[in-house]
Amino acid sequence: MTEQAGAAPDRPFLYVVVCAAGVASGVGALVAAAQTRGWEVGVIATPVAMSGFFDTDDMRERTGRPVRSRWRTPDDPRPFPPPDAVAVAPATFNTLNKWAAGIADTLAVATLCEAYGLGVPVAALPCVADALAVHPAYRESLARLRAMGVRFGDPYSGMPGADGTRADFAWERVLDLLEPAGEPAA
């Protein structure tokens, strides 16, 4: 089902950017939900996320495309068409701060920086520990990204509640944020 380089997909194309957080192991739920809602999906991961935070073989099988983490050479074909939207989940402290500062030192962050210039809608689900979330640079980064039009779901710290259980990561929320009010994604 992989399109040839440069061919447009039949359905809108979603880039899923995955960062290195423990919940990243569940990114298959996001990919499956996106496909159910009519998206074609390509996964881009931070280099650290590629080191065992999620099953890259499963993502390749589900999407029919390679999981990207490194830039391609000029002679390599483009494995993904241009995005219609970008979902960042989980979005970590490091990635959010680098993105807001325009530090495009990885393919994942460069993709996020470029999406702004292309006018591509972006939604993010922060996964940041409470101790990091109070850092002034992080709060400033969120404000800058919101001013750039990034849509945010509720933050997730991963910390257990009073009863000792952790809340589920709201994977589908990032898709809800990308849909126009009252309309499912085409």
N, C-alpha and C. Protein backbone atom coordinates (compact mmCIF):
# COMPACT_ATOMS: atom_id res chain seq x y z
N MET A 1 0.82 -1.20 0.00
CA MET A 1 0.00 0.00 0.00
C MET A 1 0.86 1.26 0.00
N THR A 2 2.15 1.11 -0.02
CA THR A 2 3.05 2.26 -0.04
C THR A 2 2.97 2.97 -1.39
N GLU A 3 2.77 4.29 -1.34
CA GLU A 3 2.77 5.07 -2.57
C GLU A 3 4.19 5.18 -3.10
N GLN A 4 4.31 5.35 -4.37
CA GLN A 4 5.63 5.59 -4.94
C GLN A 4 6.06 7.00 -4.59
N ALA A 5 7.36 7.21 -4.60
CA ALA A 5 7.90 8.53 -4.25
C ALA A 5 7.19 9.60 -5.05
N GLY A 6 6.69 10.61 -4.35
CA GLY A 6 6.06 11.74 -5.00
C GLY A 6 4.57 11.55 -5.28
N ALA A 7 4.05 10.31 -5.20
CA ALA A 7 2.63 10.09 -5.45
C ALA A 7 1.82 10.51 -4.24
N ALA A 8 0.69 11.12 -4.49
CA ALA A 8 -0.18 11.57 -3.40
C ALA A 8 -1.01 10.39 -2.90
N PRO A 9 -1.18 10.28 -1.58
CA PRO A 9 -2.02 9.21 -1.04
C PRO A 9 -3.50 9.50 -1.34
N ASP A 10 -4.32 8.45 -1.27
CA ASP A 10 -5.75 8.62 -1.49
C ASP A 10 -6.42 9.32 -0.31
N ARG A 11 -5.83 9.22 0.84
CA ARG A 11 -6.38 9.79 2.07
C ARG A 11 -5.41 10.85 2.61
N PRO A 12 -5.88 11.72 3.50
CA PRO A 12 -4.96 12.71 4.07
C PRO A 12 -3.82 12.01 4.81
N PHE A 13 -2.65 12.65 4.80
CA PHE A 13 -1.46 12.03 5.37
C PHE A 13 -1.08 12.69 6.68
N LEU A 14 -0.91 11.87 7.72
CA LEU A 14 -0.57 12.32 9.07
C LEU A 14 0.83 11.86 9.41
N TYR A 15 1.68 12.82 9.81
CA TYR A 15 2.97 12.47 10.40
C TYR A 15 2.74 12.31 11.89
N VAL A 16 3.18 11.20 12.46
CA VAL A 16 3.16 10.97 13.90
C VAL A 16 4.59 11.07 14.37
N VAL A 17 4.88 12.07 15.19
CA VAL A 17 6.22 12.25 15.76
C VAL A 17 6.20 11.65 17.16
N VAL A 18 7.11 10.70 17.39
CA VAL A 18 7.19 9.97 18.65
C VAL A 18 8.47 10.35 19.37
N CYS A 19 8.33 10.74 20.64
CA CYS A 19 9.49 11.09 21.46
C CYS A 19 9.74 9.99 22.49
N ALA A 20 10.90 10.05 23.13
CA ALA A 20 11.34 9.02 24.07
C ALA A 20 10.71 9.22 25.45
N ALA A 21 9.58 8.59 25.64
CA ALA A 21 8.91 8.55 26.95
C ALA A 21 8.36 7.14 27.10
N GLY A 22 8.22 6.70 28.32
CA GLY A 22 7.76 5.33 28.57
C GLY A 22 6.46 4.99 27.87
N VAL A 23 5.55 5.94 27.77
CA VAL A 23 4.26 5.67 27.12
C VAL A 23 4.38 5.48 25.62
N ALA A 24 5.53 5.79 25.03
CA ALA A 24 5.70 5.64 23.58
C ALA A 24 5.45 4.22 23.12
N SER A 25 5.59 3.27 24.02
CA SER A 25 5.33 1.87 23.65
C SER A 25 3.90 1.65 23.18
N GLY A 26 2.99 2.56 23.52
CA GLY A 26 1.59 2.45 23.13
C GLY A 26 1.23 3.21 21.87
N VAL A 27 2.21 3.72 21.12
CA VAL A 27 1.92 4.54 19.94
C VAL A 27 1.11 3.80 18.89
N GLY A 28 1.12 2.48 18.92
CA GLY A 28 0.30 1.71 18.00
C GLY A 28 -1.18 2.05 18.12
N ALA A 29 -1.62 2.41 19.33
CA ALA A 29 -3.02 2.81 19.53
C ALA A 29 -3.33 4.07 18.75
N LEU A 30 -2.39 5.01 18.71
CA LEU A 30 -2.59 6.24 17.94
C LEU A 30 -2.62 5.95 16.45
N VAL A 31 -1.70 5.14 15.99
CA VAL A 31 -1.64 4.82 14.56
C VAL A 31 -2.93 4.11 14.14
N ALA A 32 -3.38 3.13 14.92
CA ALA A 32 -4.61 2.41 14.59
C ALA A 32 -5.82 3.35 14.58
N ALA A 33 -5.91 4.23 15.57
CA ALA A 33 -7.03 5.17 15.62
C ALA A 33 -7.00 6.13 14.44
N ALA A 34 -5.81 6.60 14.07
CA ALA A 34 -5.69 7.50 12.92
C ALA A 34 -6.14 6.80 11.65
N GLN A 35 -5.72 5.57 11.47
CA GLN A 35 -6.10 4.82 10.27
C GLN A 35 -7.61 4.58 10.24
N THR A 36 -8.20 4.30 11.39
CA THR A 36 -9.64 4.11 11.47
C THR A 36 -10.38 5.40 11.09
N ARG A 37 -9.79 6.53 11.41
CA ARG A 37 -10.40 7.83 11.10
C ARG A 37 -10.09 8.29 9.67
N GLY A 38 -9.39 7.48 8.91
CA GLY A 38 -9.18 7.80 7.51
C GLY A 38 -7.85 8.40 7.14
N TRP A 39 -6.91 8.40 8.04
CA TRP A 39 -5.58 8.94 7.76
C TRP A 39 -4.65 7.85 7.21
N GLU A 40 -3.77 8.23 6.30
CA GLU A 40 -2.56 7.46 6.01
C GLU A 40 -1.55 7.98 7.02
N VAL A 41 -0.64 7.14 7.49
CA VAL A 41 0.26 7.52 8.58
C VAL A 41 1.70 7.20 8.25
N GLY A 42 2.58 8.12 8.62
CA GLY A 42 4.02 7.91 8.60
C GLY A 42 4.56 8.27 9.97
N VAL A 43 5.45 7.47 10.51
CA VAL A 43 5.99 7.68 11.85
C VAL A 43 7.42 8.23 11.75
N ILE A 44 7.66 9.30 12.50
CA ILE A 44 8.98 9.90 12.63
C ILE A 44 9.30 9.89 14.12
N ALA A 45 10.48 9.43 14.48
CA ALA A 45 10.84 9.32 15.89
C ALA A 45 12.13 10.08 16.19
N THR A 46 12.23 10.53 17.42
CA THR A 46 13.50 11.10 17.86
C THR A 46 14.52 9.96 17.90
N PRO A 47 15.80 10.28 17.78
CA PRO A 47 16.81 9.20 17.83
C PRO A 47 16.74 8.37 19.11
N VAL A 48 16.49 9.00 20.24
CA VAL A 48 16.42 8.24 21.49
C VAL A 48 15.19 7.33 21.50
N ALA A 49 14.07 7.80 20.97
CA ALA A 49 12.86 6.97 20.91
C ALA A 49 13.09 5.71 20.07
N MET A 50 13.99 5.80 19.10
CA MET A 50 14.30 4.65 18.24
C MET A 50 15.07 3.56 18.98
N SER A 51 15.56 3.87 20.16
CA SER A 51 16.41 2.91 20.88
C SER A 51 15.63 2.00 21.82
N GLY A 52 14.41 1.64 21.43
CA GLY A 52 13.66 0.66 22.21
C GLY A 52 12.43 1.19 22.93
N PHE A 53 12.05 2.43 22.68
CA PHE A 53 10.88 2.99 23.35
C PHE A 53 9.56 2.52 22.73
N PHE A 54 9.60 2.06 21.48
CA PHE A 54 8.41 1.51 20.83
C PHE A 54 8.86 0.51 19.78
N ASP A 55 7.91 -0.26 19.29
CA ASP A 55 8.21 -1.34 18.36
C ASP A 55 8.22 -0.79 16.92
N THR A 56 9.40 -0.50 16.42
CA THR A 56 9.51 0.10 15.09
C THR A 56 9.09 -0.89 13.99
N ASP A 57 9.34 -2.18 14.21
CA ASP A 57 8.90 -3.17 13.21
C ASP A 57 7.38 -3.20 13.11
N ASP A 58 6.71 -3.11 14.25
CA ASP A 58 5.25 -3.08 14.25
C ASP A 58 4.73 -1.83 13.53
N MET A 59 5.38 -0.69 13.77
CA MET A 59 4.94 0.54 13.10
C MET A 59 5.14 0.44 11.59
N ARG A 60 6.25 -0.14 11.18
CA ARG A 60 6.51 -0.31 9.75
C ARG A 60 5.44 -1.21 9.13
N GLU A 61 5.09 -2.28 9.84
CA GLU A 61 4.08 -3.21 9.35
C GLU A 61 2.70 -2.53 9.29
N ARG A 62 2.34 -1.79 10.34
CA ARG A 62 1.03 -1.14 10.38
C ARG A 62 0.87 -0.06 9.31
N THR A 63 1.94 0.67 9.05
CA THR A 63 1.84 1.81 8.13
C THR A 63 2.26 1.46 6.70
N GLY A 64 3.03 0.39 6.55
CA GLY A 64 3.56 0.04 5.24
C GLY A 64 4.69 0.97 4.81
N ARG A 65 5.27 1.68 5.77
CA ARG A 65 6.33 2.65 5.51
C ARG A 65 7.44 2.51 6.56
N PRO A 66 8.65 2.92 6.22
CA PRO A 66 9.72 2.88 7.23
C PRO A 66 9.45 3.90 8.34
N VAL A 67 9.94 3.61 9.52
CA VAL A 67 9.94 4.61 10.59
C VAL A 67 11.17 5.47 10.35
N ARG A 68 10.96 6.77 10.30
CA ARG A 68 12.07 7.68 9.99
C ARG A 68 12.63 8.30 11.26
N SER A 69 13.94 8.46 11.27
CA SER A 69 14.61 9.14 12.37
C SER A 69 15.80 9.96 11.87
N ARG A 70 16.26 9.63 10.69
CA ARG A 70 17.41 10.33 10.12
C ARG A 70 17.02 10.97 8.79
N TRP A 71 17.76 12.02 8.45
CA TRP A 71 17.54 12.66 7.17
C TRP A 71 17.90 11.70 6.05
N ARG A 72 17.22 11.82 4.95
CA ARG A 72 17.55 11.03 3.78
C ARG A 72 18.61 11.79 2.99
N THR A 73 19.33 11.08 2.15
CA THR A 73 20.29 11.75 1.28
C THR A 73 19.54 12.30 0.06
N PRO A 74 20.13 13.23 -0.67
CA PRO A 74 19.44 13.78 -1.84
C PRO A 74 19.05 12.72 -2.88
N ASP A 75 19.77 11.61 -2.93
CA ASP A 75 19.45 10.57 -3.90
C ASP A 75 18.36 9.60 -3.42
N ASP A 76 18.06 9.63 -2.12
CA ASP A 76 17.04 8.72 -1.58
C ASP A 76 15.64 9.21 -1.95
N PRO A 77 14.73 8.30 -2.27
CA PRO A 77 13.35 8.73 -2.54
C PRO A 77 12.68 9.21 -1.26
N ARG A 78 11.68 10.03 -1.42
CA ARG A 78 10.91 10.49 -0.26
C ARG A 78 9.97 9.36 0.16
N PRO A 79 10.12 8.86 1.40
CA PRO A 79 9.26 7.76 1.82
C PRO A 79 7.85 8.19 2.21
N PHE A 80 7.66 9.50 2.47
CA PHE A 80 6.35 10.01 2.86
C PHE A 80 5.97 11.16 1.93
N PRO A 81 4.69 11.31 1.63
CA PRO A 81 4.25 12.52 0.95
C PRO A 81 4.24 13.68 1.95
N PRO A 82 4.04 14.91 1.50
CA PRO A 82 3.92 16.03 2.45
C PRO A 82 2.75 15.79 3.41
N PRO A 83 2.87 16.27 4.65
CA PRO A 83 1.81 16.02 5.63
C PRO A 83 0.62 16.96 5.45
N ASP A 84 -0.54 16.42 5.78
CA ASP A 84 -1.74 17.26 5.92
C ASP A 84 -1.88 17.73 7.35
N ALA A 85 -1.25 17.00 8.28
CA ALA A 85 -1.25 17.35 9.70
C ALA A 85 -0.13 16.57 10.37
N VAL A 86 0.24 17.05 11.57
CA VAL A 86 1.29 16.40 12.36
C VAL A 86 0.78 16.23 13.79
N ALA A 87 0.95 15.01 14.33
CA ALA A 87 0.61 14.71 15.72
C ALA A 87 1.91 14.39 16.45
N VAL A 88 2.14 15.02 17.58
CA VAL A 88 3.34 14.76 18.38
C VAL A 88 2.87 14.10 19.67
N ALA A 89 3.17 12.81 19.81
CA ALA A 89 2.70 12.09 20.99
C ALA A 89 3.57 10.85 21.21
N PRO A 90 4.15 10.71 22.37
CA PRO A 90 4.24 11.70 23.44
C PRO A 90 5.23 12.81 23.08
N ALA A 91 4.93 14.01 23.53
CA ALA A 91 5.80 15.17 23.31
C ALA A 91 6.57 15.44 24.60
N THR A 92 7.88 15.28 24.55
CA THR A 92 8.69 15.40 25.76
C THR A 92 9.21 16.82 25.99
N PHE A 93 9.68 17.03 27.20
CA PHE A 93 10.29 18.31 27.62
C PHE A 93 11.36 18.75 26.64
N ASN A 94 12.27 17.85 26.31
CA ASN A 94 13.38 18.17 25.42
C ASN A 94 12.88 18.58 24.04
N THR A 95 12.01 17.79 23.46
CA THR A 95 11.52 18.09 22.11
C THR A 95 10.73 19.39 22.09
N LEU A 96 9.85 19.59 23.05
CA LEU A 96 9.04 20.81 23.06
C LEU A 96 9.91 22.06 23.19
N ASN A 97 10.93 21.99 24.05
CA ASN A 97 11.81 23.15 24.21
C ASN A 97 12.66 23.41 22.97
N LYS A 98 13.20 22.36 22.37
CA LYS A 98 14.00 22.54 21.15
C LYS A 98 13.13 23.07 20.01
N TRP A 99 11.93 22.55 19.88
CA TRP A 99 11.00 22.97 18.84
C TRP A 99 10.69 24.46 18.98
N ALA A 100 10.35 24.88 20.18
CA ALA A 100 10.01 26.29 20.41
C ALA A 100 11.19 27.20 20.12
N ALA A 101 12.39 26.72 20.39
CA ALA A 101 13.60 27.52 20.16
C ALA A 101 14.09 27.44 18.72
N GLY A 102 13.48 26.56 17.91
CA GLY A 102 13.91 26.42 16.52
C GLY A 102 15.20 25.64 16.37
N ILE A 103 15.49 24.77 17.33
CA ILE A 103 16.72 23.96 17.26
C ILE A 103 16.37 22.66 16.53
N ALA A 104 16.61 22.65 15.25
CA ALA A 104 16.21 21.54 14.38
C ALA A 104 17.36 20.56 14.19
N ASP A 105 17.84 19.98 15.28
CA ASP A 105 19.00 19.11 15.23
C ASP A 105 18.68 17.64 15.01
N THR A 106 17.41 17.30 14.94
CA THR A 106 16.98 15.94 14.60
C THR A 106 15.91 16.05 13.53
N LEU A 107 15.68 14.97 12.82
CA LEU A 107 14.62 14.97 11.81
C LEU A 107 13.27 15.26 12.45
N ALA A 108 13.03 14.69 13.63
CA ALA A 108 11.74 14.91 14.29
C ALA A 108 11.51 16.39 14.58
N VAL A 109 12.48 17.06 15.19
CA VAL A 109 12.30 18.47 15.53
C VAL A 109 12.32 19.34 14.27
N ALA A 110 13.15 19.01 13.31
CA ALA A 110 13.16 19.77 12.05
C ALA A 110 11.80 19.68 11.36
N THR A 111 11.18 18.51 11.41
CA THR A 111 9.86 18.32 10.83
C THR A 111 8.85 19.24 11.51
N LEU A 112 8.92 19.32 12.83
CA LEU A 112 8.00 20.18 13.58
C LEU A 112 8.24 21.65 13.26
N CYS A 113 9.49 22.04 13.18
CA CYS A 113 9.82 23.43 12.84
C CYS A 113 9.32 23.78 11.44
N GLU A 114 9.51 22.88 10.51
CA GLU A 114 9.09 23.12 9.13
C GLU A 114 7.58 23.16 8.99
N ALA A 115 6.85 22.38 9.78
CA ALA A 115 5.39 22.35 9.69
C ALA A 115 4.81 23.76 9.89
N TYR A 116 5.40 24.52 10.80
CA TYR A 116 4.93 25.89 11.02
C TYR A 116 5.05 26.72 9.75
N GLY A 117 6.19 26.66 9.10
CA GLY A 117 6.43 27.43 7.89
C GLY A 117 5.54 26.99 6.73
N LEU A 118 5.11 25.74 6.75
CA LEU A 118 4.24 25.23 5.70
C LEU A 118 2.75 25.42 6.00
N GLY A 119 2.45 25.89 7.21
CA GLY A 119 1.05 26.08 7.59
C GLY A 119 0.32 24.78 7.86
N VAL A 120 1.06 23.73 8.21
CA VAL A 120 0.46 22.42 8.49
C VAL A 120 -0.02 22.40 9.94
N PRO A 121 -1.27 21.99 10.19
CA PRO A 121 -1.75 21.92 11.58
C PRO A 121 -0.96 20.90 12.39
N VAL A 122 -0.66 21.27 13.63
CA VAL A 122 0.10 20.39 14.53
C VAL A 122 -0.60 20.34 15.87
N ALA A 123 -0.72 19.14 16.42
CA ALA A 123 -1.25 18.94 17.76
C ALA A 123 -0.27 18.11 18.55
N ALA A 124 -0.19 18.36 19.86
CA ALA A 124 0.78 17.69 20.71
C ALA A 124 0.15 17.26 22.03
N LEU A 125 0.61 16.11 22.51
CA LEU A 125 0.24 15.62 23.82
C LEU A 125 1.49 15.60 24.69
N PRO A 126 1.69 16.63 25.52
CA PRO A 126 2.88 16.67 26.36
C PRO A 126 2.92 15.51 27.35
N CYS A 127 4.09 14.94 27.49
CA CYS A 127 4.36 13.90 28.48
C CYS A 127 5.61 14.36 29.23
N VAL A 128 5.38 15.12 30.29
CA VAL A 128 6.46 15.81 30.99
C VAL A 128 6.27 15.65 32.49
N ALA A 129 7.31 15.24 33.18
CA ALA A 129 7.25 15.09 34.63
C ALA A 129 6.93 16.43 35.28
N ASP A 130 6.19 16.38 36.38
CA ASP A 130 5.79 17.60 37.08
C ASP A 130 6.99 18.48 37.45
N ALA A 131 8.10 17.87 37.86
CA ALA A 131 9.28 18.64 38.25
C ALA A 131 9.85 19.42 37.07
N LEU A 132 9.74 18.89 35.86
CA LEU A 132 10.20 19.59 34.67
C LEU A 132 9.18 20.62 34.18
N ALA A 133 7.91 20.31 34.35
CA ALA A 133 6.85 21.19 33.84
C ALA A 133 6.83 22.57 34.51
N VAL A 134 7.45 22.72 35.66
CA VAL A 134 7.48 24.02 36.32
C VAL A 134 8.67 24.87 35.89
N HIS A 135 9.55 24.30 35.09
CA HIS A 135 10.73 25.04 34.63
C HIS A 135 10.29 26.22 33.77
N PRO A 136 10.84 27.41 34.00
CA PRO A 136 10.42 28.59 33.23
C PRO A 136 10.59 28.43 31.72
N ALA A 137 11.65 27.77 31.29
CA ALA A 137 11.87 27.59 29.84
C ALA A 137 10.73 26.77 29.23
N TYR A 138 10.26 25.78 29.94
CA TYR A 138 9.17 24.94 29.44
C TYR A 138 7.88 25.76 29.31
N ARG A 139 7.56 26.52 30.34
CA ARG A 139 6.33 27.35 30.27
C ARG A 139 6.42 28.34 29.12
N GLU A 140 7.60 28.93 28.92
CA GLU A 140 7.80 29.87 27.80
C GLU A 140 7.69 29.14 26.46
N SER A 141 8.20 27.93 26.39
CA SER A 141 8.11 27.16 25.15
C SER A 141 6.66 26.85 24.80
N LEU A 142 5.87 26.45 25.79
CA LEU A 142 4.45 26.18 25.52
C LEU A 142 3.75 27.44 25.04
N ALA A 143 4.03 28.57 25.66
CA ALA A 143 3.41 29.83 25.23
C ALA A 143 3.80 30.16 23.79
N ARG A 144 5.07 29.98 23.45
CA ARG A 144 5.51 30.27 22.08
C ARG A 144 4.84 29.32 21.09
N LEU A 145 4.80 28.04 21.41
CA LEU A 145 4.20 27.07 20.50
C LEU A 145 2.70 27.32 20.34
N ARG A 146 2.02 27.68 21.42
CA ARG A 146 0.59 28.03 21.31
C ARG A 146 0.41 29.24 20.39
N ALA A 147 1.29 30.22 20.54
CA ALA A 147 1.21 31.42 19.68
C ALA A 147 1.46 31.05 18.22
N MET A 148 2.18 29.96 17.97
CA MET A 148 2.43 29.49 16.62
C MET A 148 1.26 28.64 16.09
N GLY A 149 0.24 28.43 16.92
CA GLY A 149 -0.93 27.69 16.50
C GLY A 149 -0.95 26.22 16.87
N VAL A 150 0.05 25.76 17.62
CA VAL A 150 0.08 24.36 18.04
C VAL A 150 -1.07 24.12 19.02
N ARG A 151 -1.77 23.03 18.80
CA ARG A 151 -2.92 22.64 19.64
C ARG A 151 -2.43 21.61 20.65
N PHE A 152 -2.73 21.83 21.93
CA PHE A 152 -2.24 20.96 22.99
C PHE A 152 -3.36 20.23 23.69
N GLY A 153 -3.13 18.93 23.96
CA GLY A 153 -3.99 18.17 24.84
C GLY A 153 -3.50 18.37 26.27
N ASP A 154 -4.24 17.81 27.21
CA ASP A 154 -3.85 17.92 28.61
C ASP A 154 -2.49 17.27 28.83
N PRO A 155 -1.67 17.87 29.70
CA PRO A 155 -0.36 17.28 29.98
C PRO A 155 -0.51 15.95 30.71
N TYR A 156 0.48 15.11 30.52
CA TYR A 156 0.53 13.79 31.17
C TYR A 156 1.88 13.68 31.85
N SER A 157 1.87 13.47 33.17
CA SER A 157 3.14 13.38 33.89
C SER A 157 3.59 11.94 34.07
N GLY A 158 2.67 10.99 33.93
CA GLY A 158 3.02 9.60 34.14
C GLY A 158 3.09 9.20 35.61
N MET A 159 2.85 10.15 36.47
CA MET A 159 2.93 9.86 37.91
C MET A 159 1.67 9.12 38.35
N PRO A 160 1.84 8.14 39.26
CA PRO A 160 0.66 7.43 39.77
C PRO A 160 -0.19 8.35 40.63
N GLY A 161 -1.50 8.10 40.60
CA GLY A 161 -2.42 8.86 41.44
C GLY A 161 -2.37 8.37 42.87
N ALA A 162 -3.24 8.93 43.70
CA ALA A 162 -3.28 8.57 45.12
C ALA A 162 -3.54 7.08 45.31
N ASP A 163 -4.26 6.47 44.37
CA ASP A 163 -4.57 5.04 44.49
C ASP A 163 -3.46 4.15 43.92
N GLY A 164 -2.37 4.77 43.45
CA GLY A 164 -1.23 4.01 42.95
C GLY A 164 -1.30 3.65 41.48
N THR A 165 -2.41 3.96 40.82
CA THR A 165 -2.53 3.64 39.39
C THR A 165 -2.21 4.87 38.54
N ARG A 166 -1.79 4.60 37.32
CA ARG A 166 -1.50 5.67 36.37
C ARG A 166 -2.68 5.81 35.42
N ALA A 167 -2.99 7.02 35.08
CA ALA A 167 -4.03 7.26 34.08
C ALA A 167 -3.53 6.77 32.73
N ASP A 168 -4.45 6.38 31.87
CA ASP A 168 -4.08 6.00 30.51
C ASP A 168 -3.66 7.25 29.74
N PHE A 169 -2.73 7.08 28.82
CA PHE A 169 -2.32 8.17 27.94
C PHE A 169 -3.42 8.34 26.89
N ALA A 170 -3.89 9.55 26.69
CA ALA A 170 -5.05 9.84 25.83
C ALA A 170 -4.65 9.96 24.36
N TRP A 171 -4.19 8.86 23.76
CA TRP A 171 -3.68 8.88 22.39
C TRP A 171 -4.64 9.54 21.40
N GLU A 172 -5.92 9.21 21.46
CA GLU A 172 -6.86 9.72 20.46
C GLU A 172 -7.12 11.21 20.60
N ARG A 173 -6.81 11.78 21.74
CA ARG A 173 -7.04 13.22 21.94
C ARG A 173 -6.28 14.04 20.91
N VAL A 174 -5.08 13.62 20.53
CA VAL A 174 -4.29 14.37 19.56
C VAL A 174 -5.01 14.39 18.20
N LEU A 175 -5.72 13.33 17.87
CA LEU A 175 -6.49 13.31 16.63
C LEU A 175 -7.69 14.24 16.72
N ASP A 176 -8.35 14.25 17.89
CA ASP A 176 -9.48 15.16 18.10
C ASP A 176 -9.05 16.61 17.88
N LEU A 177 -7.85 16.95 18.33
CA LEU A 177 -7.35 18.31 18.20
C LEU A 177 -7.08 18.71 16.76
N LEU A 178 -6.88 17.73 15.89
CA LEU A 178 -6.58 18.02 14.49
C LEU A 178 -7.82 18.09 13.61
N GLU A 179 -8.96 17.67 14.11
CA GLU A 179 -10.18 17.68 13.33
C GLU A 179 -10.90 19.01 13.48
N PRO A 180 -11.40 19.55 12.38
CA PRO A 180 -12.24 20.76 12.49
C PRO A 180 -13.46 20.46 13.36
N ALA A 181 -13.93 21.45 14.06
CA ALA A 181 -15.08 21.28 14.95
C ALA A 181 -16.23 20.62 14.19
N GLY A 182 -16.73 19.52 14.75
CA GLY A 182 -17.89 18.86 14.20
C GLY A 182 -17.63 17.98 12.99
N GLU A 183 -16.38 17.88 12.53
CA GLU A 183 -16.07 17.08 11.33
C GLU A 183 -15.00 16.05 11.63
N PRO A 184 -15.26 14.80 11.29
CA PRO A 184 -14.16 13.83 11.41
C PRO A 184 -13.17 14.04 10.28
N ALA A 185 -11.95 13.57 10.51
CA ALA A 185 -10.92 13.70 9.45
C ALA A 185 -11.38 12.91 8.23
N ALA A 186 -11.09 13.45 7.06
CA ALA A 186 -11.51 12.79 5.82
C ALA A 186 -10.72 11.54 5.57
